[in-house]
Amino acid sequence: MALPSQPPPHDPQLRTHQERERLAKLAYWLDDRFRIPGTNWRIGADGLVGLIPGVGDGITTAVSAYLVLEAQRLGIPKAVLLRMIWNVAIDGLVGTVPVVGDLFDIRWKANRKNIRLLNEHLAKVSEPEQSPTLPKTL
């Protein structure tokens, strides 16, 4: 007998919540996992792997593109997907410039921006429709 507080495993809302958590963890690891000592700046695998000449930025751009692909799979509309793609494209293009791109990557945080876009959209569509309220009569 399942506990009443636990939705069944095939519940689409639970699946979406689990997907969001998984993608948020990935974005955290890519953009914010480590604090740069002596600063409040955070860096993740995106910034570290991006330091590898020639292949680092390609690898991290591919992982960032995976986040966008997963957002598409979750039903995010094209307008939001285009904004997400823009964030990844800027990150990938500027990241190819030696040193400047690496410094830019520390501040741009394309994956964090994209998770925020994903969460904002999903929160908007999951809000119950507000019925108009009637004015109180005395």
N, C-alpha and C. Protein backbone atom coordinates (compact mmCIF):
# COMPACT_ATOMS: atom_id res chain seq x y z
N MET A 1 0.84 -1.18 0.00
CA MET A 1 0.00 0.00 0.00
C MET A 1 0.89 1.24 0.00
N ALA A 2 0.66 2.12 -0.96
CA ALA A 2 1.44 3.35 -1.08
C ALA A 2 0.94 4.37 -0.07
N LEU A 3 1.85 5.18 0.42
CA LEU A 3 1.47 6.25 1.33
C LEU A 3 0.70 7.30 0.57
N PRO A 4 -0.35 7.85 1.15
CA PRO A 4 -1.16 8.83 0.43
C PRO A 4 -0.39 10.09 0.05
N SER A 5 0.66 10.46 0.79
CA SER A 5 1.38 11.68 0.48
C SER A 5 2.35 11.52 -0.68
N GLN A 6 2.58 10.30 -1.13
CA GLN A 6 3.49 10.06 -2.24
C GLN A 6 2.71 9.81 -3.52
N PRO A 7 2.88 10.67 -4.53
CA PRO A 7 2.17 10.43 -5.80
C PRO A 7 2.74 9.20 -6.49
N PRO A 8 1.94 8.56 -7.31
CA PRO A 8 2.45 7.39 -8.03
C PRO A 8 3.61 7.77 -8.93
N PRO A 9 4.52 6.83 -9.24
CA PRO A 9 5.71 7.16 -10.02
C PRO A 9 5.42 7.66 -11.43
N HIS A 10 4.24 7.37 -11.96
CA HIS A 10 3.92 7.81 -13.32
C HIS A 10 3.28 9.20 -13.35
N ASP A 11 3.19 9.85 -12.20
CA ASP A 11 2.60 11.19 -12.11
C ASP A 11 3.45 12.18 -12.91
N PRO A 12 2.88 12.83 -13.95
CA PRO A 12 3.67 13.74 -14.79
C PRO A 12 4.24 14.93 -14.03
N GLN A 13 3.52 15.44 -13.02
CA GLN A 13 4.06 16.56 -12.25
C GLN A 13 5.29 16.14 -11.46
N LEU A 14 5.27 14.94 -10.90
CA LEU A 14 6.43 14.44 -10.17
C LEU A 14 7.61 14.28 -11.13
N ARG A 15 7.34 13.72 -12.30
CA ARG A 15 8.40 13.53 -13.28
C ARG A 15 9.01 14.87 -13.69
N THR A 16 8.16 15.86 -13.93
CA THR A 16 8.65 17.19 -14.29
C THR A 16 9.48 17.78 -13.16
N HIS A 17 9.01 17.62 -11.92
CA HIS A 17 9.76 18.13 -10.77
C HIS A 17 11.12 17.45 -10.65
N GLN A 18 11.15 16.14 -10.85
CA GLN A 18 12.41 15.40 -10.78
C GLN A 18 13.35 15.84 -11.91
N GLU A 19 12.82 16.06 -13.10
CA GLU A 19 13.63 16.53 -14.22
C GLU A 19 14.19 17.91 -13.92
N ARG A 20 13.37 18.79 -13.38
CA ARG A 20 13.83 20.14 -13.03
C ARG A 20 14.94 20.08 -12.00
N GLU A 21 14.80 19.24 -11.00
CA GLU A 21 15.85 19.10 -9.98
C GLU A 21 17.14 18.58 -10.60
N ARG A 22 17.02 17.59 -11.47
CA ARG A 22 18.20 17.02 -12.12
C ARG A 22 18.91 18.06 -12.99
N LEU A 23 18.15 18.81 -13.76
CA LEU A 23 18.73 19.84 -14.61
C LEU A 23 19.32 20.99 -13.78
N ALA A 24 18.67 21.34 -12.68
CA ALA A 24 19.19 22.39 -11.80
C ALA A 24 20.52 21.96 -11.19
N LYS A 25 20.63 20.70 -10.80
CA LYS A 25 21.90 20.19 -10.26
C LYS A 25 23.00 20.24 -11.31
N LEU A 26 22.67 19.87 -12.53
CA LEU A 26 23.65 19.92 -13.61
C LEU A 26 24.10 21.37 -13.85
N ALA A 27 23.16 22.31 -13.88
CA ALA A 27 23.50 23.72 -14.07
C ALA A 27 24.37 24.22 -12.92
N TYR A 28 24.08 23.79 -11.70
CA TYR A 28 24.89 24.17 -10.54
C TYR A 28 26.32 23.67 -10.71
N TRP A 29 26.48 22.42 -11.10
CA TRP A 29 27.82 21.86 -11.30
C TRP A 29 28.55 22.58 -12.43
N LEU A 30 27.82 22.97 -13.46
CA LEU A 30 28.45 23.65 -14.59
C LEU A 30 28.84 25.10 -14.27
N ASP A 31 28.05 25.80 -13.49
CA ASP A 31 28.27 27.23 -13.30
C ASP A 31 28.73 27.67 -11.92
N ASP A 32 28.39 26.94 -10.87
CA ASP A 32 28.55 27.50 -9.52
C ASP A 32 29.17 26.58 -8.48
N ARG A 33 29.66 25.44 -8.82
CA ARG A 33 30.05 24.43 -7.83
C ARG A 33 31.14 24.89 -6.87
N PHE A 34 32.13 25.64 -7.34
CA PHE A 34 33.28 26.00 -6.51
C PHE A 34 33.36 27.51 -6.32
N ARG A 35 33.75 27.91 -5.11
CA ARG A 35 33.97 29.34 -4.84
C ARG A 35 35.44 29.63 -5.09
N ILE A 36 35.70 30.73 -5.78
CA ILE A 36 37.08 31.15 -6.00
C ILE A 36 37.58 31.74 -4.69
N PRO A 37 38.65 31.17 -4.12
CA PRO A 37 39.13 31.63 -2.81
C PRO A 37 39.40 33.13 -2.79
N GLY A 38 38.99 33.75 -1.69
CA GLY A 38 39.20 35.17 -1.51
C GLY A 38 38.18 36.06 -2.21
N THR A 39 37.20 35.44 -2.87
CA THR A 39 36.17 36.21 -3.58
C THR A 39 34.81 35.61 -3.27
N ASN A 40 33.77 36.28 -3.74
CA ASN A 40 32.42 35.72 -3.68
C ASN A 40 32.03 35.11 -5.02
N TRP A 41 32.96 35.05 -5.94
CA TRP A 41 32.69 34.49 -7.27
C TRP A 41 32.69 32.98 -7.20
N ARG A 42 31.81 32.40 -7.99
CA ARG A 42 31.72 30.95 -8.07
C ARG A 42 32.03 30.51 -9.49
N ILE A 43 32.57 29.33 -9.61
CA ILE A 43 32.92 28.77 -10.91
C ILE A 43 32.53 27.30 -10.89
N GLY A 44 32.21 26.78 -12.04
CA GLY A 44 31.85 25.38 -12.14
C GLY A 44 32.67 24.70 -13.22
N ALA A 45 32.22 23.52 -13.59
CA ALA A 45 32.93 22.73 -14.60
C ALA A 45 33.02 23.48 -15.92
N ASP A 46 32.01 24.28 -16.23
CA ASP A 46 32.02 25.04 -17.48
C ASP A 46 33.26 25.93 -17.55
N GLY A 47 33.52 26.66 -16.50
CA GLY A 47 34.69 27.53 -16.47
C GLY A 47 36.01 26.78 -16.40
N LEU A 48 36.02 25.66 -15.69
CA LEU A 48 37.26 24.89 -15.55
C LEU A 48 37.60 24.12 -16.81
N VAL A 49 36.63 23.39 -17.35
CA VAL A 49 36.87 22.61 -18.57
C VAL A 49 37.13 23.56 -19.74
N GLY A 50 36.52 24.73 -19.71
CA GLY A 50 36.73 25.72 -20.75
C GLY A 50 38.17 26.19 -20.85
N LEU A 51 38.95 25.95 -19.81
CA LEU A 51 40.38 26.32 -19.83
C LEU A 51 41.21 25.40 -20.72
N ILE A 52 40.69 24.23 -21.06
CA ILE A 52 41.41 23.28 -21.91
C ILE A 52 41.40 23.83 -23.34
N PRO A 53 42.56 24.18 -23.87
CA PRO A 53 42.61 24.78 -25.21
C PRO A 53 42.06 23.85 -26.29
N GLY A 54 41.26 24.43 -27.18
CA GLY A 54 40.80 23.69 -28.34
C GLY A 54 39.53 22.88 -28.15
N VAL A 55 39.37 22.20 -27.03
CA VAL A 55 38.21 21.32 -26.87
C VAL A 55 37.33 21.68 -25.69
N GLY A 56 37.85 22.40 -24.72
CA GLY A 56 37.11 22.68 -23.49
C GLY A 56 35.79 23.38 -23.74
N ASP A 57 35.82 24.45 -24.53
CA ASP A 57 34.59 25.20 -24.79
C ASP A 57 33.59 24.39 -25.60
N GLY A 58 34.08 23.55 -26.49
CA GLY A 58 33.18 22.68 -27.26
C GLY A 58 32.45 21.68 -26.37
N ILE A 59 33.18 21.12 -25.43
CA ILE A 59 32.58 20.15 -24.50
C ILE A 59 31.51 20.81 -23.65
N THR A 60 31.84 21.96 -23.06
CA THR A 60 30.88 22.60 -22.18
C THR A 60 29.69 23.18 -22.95
N THR A 61 29.91 23.62 -24.18
CA THR A 61 28.79 24.09 -25.00
C THR A 61 27.84 22.94 -25.33
N ALA A 62 28.41 21.76 -25.58
CA ALA A 62 27.58 20.58 -25.85
C ALA A 62 26.73 20.22 -24.64
N VAL A 63 27.31 20.28 -23.45
CA VAL A 63 26.54 19.97 -22.24
C VAL A 63 25.46 21.03 -22.01
N SER A 64 25.79 22.29 -22.27
CA SER A 64 24.79 23.35 -22.14
C SER A 64 23.66 23.16 -23.16
N ALA A 65 24.01 22.71 -24.35
CA ALA A 65 22.99 22.44 -25.38
C ALA A 65 22.08 21.29 -24.94
N TYR A 66 22.64 20.34 -24.20
CA TYR A 66 21.83 19.24 -23.65
C TYR A 66 20.73 19.79 -22.74
N LEU A 67 21.06 20.78 -21.91
CA LEU A 67 20.05 21.39 -21.05
C LEU A 67 18.90 21.98 -21.88
N VAL A 68 19.26 22.62 -22.98
CA VAL A 68 18.24 23.22 -23.86
C VAL A 68 17.39 22.11 -24.49
N LEU A 69 18.03 21.04 -24.91
CA LEU A 69 17.31 19.91 -25.49
C LEU A 69 16.33 19.31 -24.48
N GLU A 70 16.75 19.19 -23.24
CA GLU A 70 15.86 18.67 -22.19
C GLU A 70 14.70 19.63 -21.95
N ALA A 71 14.96 20.93 -22.02
CA ALA A 71 13.88 21.92 -21.87
C ALA A 71 12.86 21.76 -23.00
N GLN A 72 13.35 21.50 -24.20
CA GLN A 72 12.45 21.27 -25.33
C GLN A 72 11.60 20.03 -25.08
N ARG A 73 12.22 18.99 -24.56
CA ARG A 73 11.51 17.75 -24.25
C ARG A 73 10.43 17.97 -23.20
N LEU A 74 10.65 18.94 -22.31
CA LEU A 74 9.65 19.26 -21.28
C LEU A 74 8.54 20.16 -21.81
N GLY A 75 8.62 20.55 -23.08
CA GLY A 75 7.54 21.31 -23.70
C GLY A 75 7.69 22.82 -23.60
N ILE A 76 8.90 23.31 -23.40
CA ILE A 76 9.11 24.75 -23.32
C ILE A 76 8.86 25.35 -24.71
N PRO A 77 8.15 26.48 -24.78
CA PRO A 77 7.83 27.07 -26.10
C PRO A 77 9.07 27.60 -26.82
N LYS A 78 8.93 27.76 -28.12
CA LYS A 78 10.06 28.16 -28.97
C LYS A 78 10.67 29.49 -28.55
N ALA A 79 9.86 30.44 -28.13
CA ALA A 79 10.40 31.75 -27.74
C ALA A 79 11.37 31.61 -26.57
N VAL A 80 11.02 30.79 -25.59
CA VAL A 80 11.90 30.58 -24.44
C VAL A 80 13.13 29.77 -24.87
N LEU A 81 12.92 28.77 -25.71
CA LEU A 81 14.05 27.98 -26.21
C LEU A 81 15.05 28.85 -26.97
N LEU A 82 14.55 29.79 -27.76
CA LEU A 82 15.44 30.68 -28.49
C LEU A 82 16.28 31.54 -27.54
N ARG A 83 15.68 31.99 -26.44
CA ARG A 83 16.45 32.75 -25.45
C ARG A 83 17.51 31.87 -24.81
N MET A 84 17.17 30.61 -24.56
CA MET A 84 18.13 29.67 -23.98
C MET A 84 19.27 29.40 -24.96
N ILE A 85 18.92 29.20 -26.22
CA ILE A 85 19.95 28.97 -27.25
C ILE A 85 20.86 30.19 -27.35
N TRP A 86 20.29 31.38 -27.28
CA TRP A 86 21.08 32.61 -27.32
C TRP A 86 22.10 32.63 -26.17
N ASN A 87 21.67 32.27 -24.97
CA ASN A 87 22.59 32.24 -23.82
C ASN A 87 23.75 31.27 -24.06
N VAL A 88 23.44 30.10 -24.60
CA VAL A 88 24.48 29.10 -24.87
C VAL A 88 25.40 29.58 -25.99
N ALA A 89 24.83 30.19 -27.02
CA ALA A 89 25.63 30.67 -28.15
C ALA A 89 26.62 31.76 -27.71
N ILE A 90 26.14 32.70 -26.92
CA ILE A 90 27.03 33.76 -26.41
C ILE A 90 28.14 33.14 -25.58
N ASP A 91 27.79 32.22 -24.70
CA ASP A 91 28.76 31.54 -23.85
C ASP A 91 29.80 30.80 -24.69
N GLY A 92 29.33 30.08 -25.69
CA GLY A 92 30.24 29.31 -26.54
C GLY A 92 31.13 30.18 -27.40
N LEU A 93 30.57 31.23 -28.00
CA LEU A 93 31.36 32.10 -28.88
C LEU A 93 32.39 32.93 -28.12
N VAL A 94 31.96 33.58 -27.06
CA VAL A 94 32.90 34.40 -26.30
C VAL A 94 33.92 33.50 -25.59
N GLY A 95 33.50 32.31 -25.22
CA GLY A 95 34.40 31.37 -24.55
C GLY A 95 35.58 30.94 -25.39
N THR A 96 35.48 31.08 -26.69
CA THR A 96 36.60 30.67 -27.56
C THR A 96 37.74 31.68 -27.56
N VAL A 97 37.50 32.88 -27.05
CA VAL A 97 38.56 33.89 -26.99
C VAL A 97 39.43 33.58 -25.76
N PRO A 98 40.72 33.34 -25.98
CA PRO A 98 41.59 33.00 -24.85
C PRO A 98 41.56 34.07 -23.75
N VAL A 99 41.58 33.66 -22.55
CA VAL A 99 41.60 34.45 -21.32
C VAL A 99 40.32 35.29 -21.16
N VAL A 100 40.02 36.15 -22.11
CA VAL A 100 38.81 36.98 -22.02
C VAL A 100 37.57 36.09 -21.93
N GLY A 101 37.53 35.06 -22.75
CA GLY A 101 36.39 34.15 -22.74
C GLY A 101 36.27 33.41 -21.42
N ASP A 102 37.40 33.04 -20.84
CA ASP A 102 37.37 32.34 -19.56
C ASP A 102 36.86 33.26 -18.45
N LEU A 103 37.29 34.52 -18.46
CA LEU A 103 36.81 35.48 -17.47
C LEU A 103 35.33 35.78 -17.67
N PHE A 104 34.92 35.90 -18.94
CA PHE A 104 33.51 36.14 -19.26
C PHE A 104 32.65 34.99 -18.74
N ASP A 105 33.14 33.77 -18.91
CA ASP A 105 32.39 32.58 -18.52
C ASP A 105 32.10 32.56 -17.02
N ILE A 106 33.00 33.08 -16.23
CA ILE A 106 32.80 33.12 -14.79
C ILE A 106 31.59 33.98 -14.43
N ARG A 107 31.35 35.02 -15.20
CA ARG A 107 30.25 35.95 -14.89
C ARG A 107 28.96 35.68 -15.67
N TRP A 108 29.03 35.10 -16.86
CA TRP A 108 27.85 34.97 -17.73
C TRP A 108 26.85 33.95 -17.19
N LYS A 109 27.29 32.78 -16.81
CA LYS A 109 26.43 31.74 -16.20
C LYS A 109 25.22 31.39 -17.07
N ALA A 110 25.49 30.96 -18.30
CA ALA A 110 24.41 30.63 -19.25
C ALA A 110 23.50 29.54 -18.71
N ASN A 111 24.06 28.55 -18.04
CA ASN A 111 23.24 27.44 -17.56
C ASN A 111 22.31 27.89 -16.43
N ARG A 112 22.80 28.73 -15.56
CA ARG A 112 21.95 29.26 -14.49
C ARG A 112 20.82 30.09 -15.08
N LYS A 113 21.14 30.91 -16.09
CA LYS A 113 20.12 31.72 -16.76
C LYS A 113 19.06 30.81 -17.39
N ASN A 114 19.53 29.74 -18.02
CA ASN A 114 18.59 28.85 -18.70
C ASN A 114 17.70 28.08 -17.72
N ILE A 115 18.24 27.69 -16.59
CA ILE A 115 17.41 27.02 -15.58
C ILE A 115 16.37 28.00 -15.04
N ARG A 116 16.77 29.25 -14.87
CA ARG A 116 15.81 30.26 -14.40
C ARG A 116 14.68 30.43 -15.43
N LEU A 117 15.03 30.49 -16.73
CA LEU A 117 14.01 30.60 -17.77
C LEU A 117 13.07 29.39 -17.75
N LEU A 118 13.64 28.20 -17.61
CA LEU A 118 12.85 26.97 -17.55
C LEU A 118 11.89 27.00 -16.37
N ASN A 119 12.42 27.33 -15.19
CA ASN A 119 11.59 27.35 -13.99
C ASN A 119 10.50 28.42 -14.05
N GLU A 120 10.84 29.59 -14.58
CA GLU A 120 9.84 30.64 -14.70
C GLU A 120 8.69 30.21 -15.61
N HIS A 121 9.03 29.58 -16.73
CA HIS A 121 7.98 29.13 -17.64
C HIS A 121 7.12 28.05 -16.99
N LEU A 122 7.77 27.05 -16.39
CA LEU A 122 7.01 25.96 -15.79
C LEU A 122 6.15 26.44 -14.63
N ALA A 123 6.63 27.41 -13.87
CA ALA A 123 5.83 27.97 -12.77
C ALA A 123 4.61 28.70 -13.32
N LYS A 124 4.81 29.39 -14.44
CA LYS A 124 3.70 30.13 -15.05
C LYS A 124 2.61 29.18 -15.54
N VAL A 125 2.98 28.09 -16.16
CA VAL A 125 1.97 27.19 -16.71
C VAL A 125 1.34 26.30 -15.65
N SER A 126 2.01 26.14 -14.50
CA SER A 126 1.44 25.27 -13.48
C SER A 126 0.58 26.02 -12.49
N GLU A 127 0.59 27.37 -12.54
CA GLU A 127 -0.26 28.14 -11.64
C GLU A 127 -1.72 27.89 -12.00
N PRO A 128 -2.54 27.68 -11.00
CA PRO A 128 -3.97 27.51 -11.31
C PRO A 128 -4.53 28.82 -11.84
N GLU A 129 -5.44 28.68 -12.76
CA GLU A 129 -6.04 29.88 -13.33
C GLU A 129 -6.81 30.61 -12.24
N GLN A 130 -6.59 31.89 -12.20
CA GLN A 130 -7.28 32.72 -11.21
C GLN A 130 -8.67 33.06 -11.73
N SER A 131 -9.65 32.77 -10.91
CA SER A 131 -10.99 33.19 -11.31
C SER A 131 -11.16 34.64 -10.88
N PRO A 132 -11.88 35.40 -11.66
CA PRO A 132 -12.04 36.80 -11.30
C PRO A 132 -12.76 36.92 -9.96
N THR A 133 -12.32 37.85 -9.14
CA THR A 133 -12.97 38.03 -7.86
C THR A 133 -14.02 39.11 -7.98
N LEU A 134 -15.12 38.86 -7.35
CA LEU A 134 -16.21 39.84 -7.36
C LEU A 134 -16.02 40.79 -6.18
N PRO A 135 -16.39 42.02 -6.37
CA PRO A 135 -16.26 42.95 -5.24
C PRO A 135 -17.22 42.56 -4.12
N LYS A 136 -16.77 42.78 -2.90
CA LYS A 136 -17.62 42.48 -1.74
C LYS A 136 -18.73 43.52 -1.64
N THR A 137 -19.88 43.03 -1.25
CA THR A 137 -20.98 43.96 -1.00
C THR A 137 -21.14 44.08 0.50
N LEU A 138 -21.49 45.24 0.92
CA LEU A 138 -21.67 45.46 2.36
C LEU A 138 -23.01 45.12 2.83
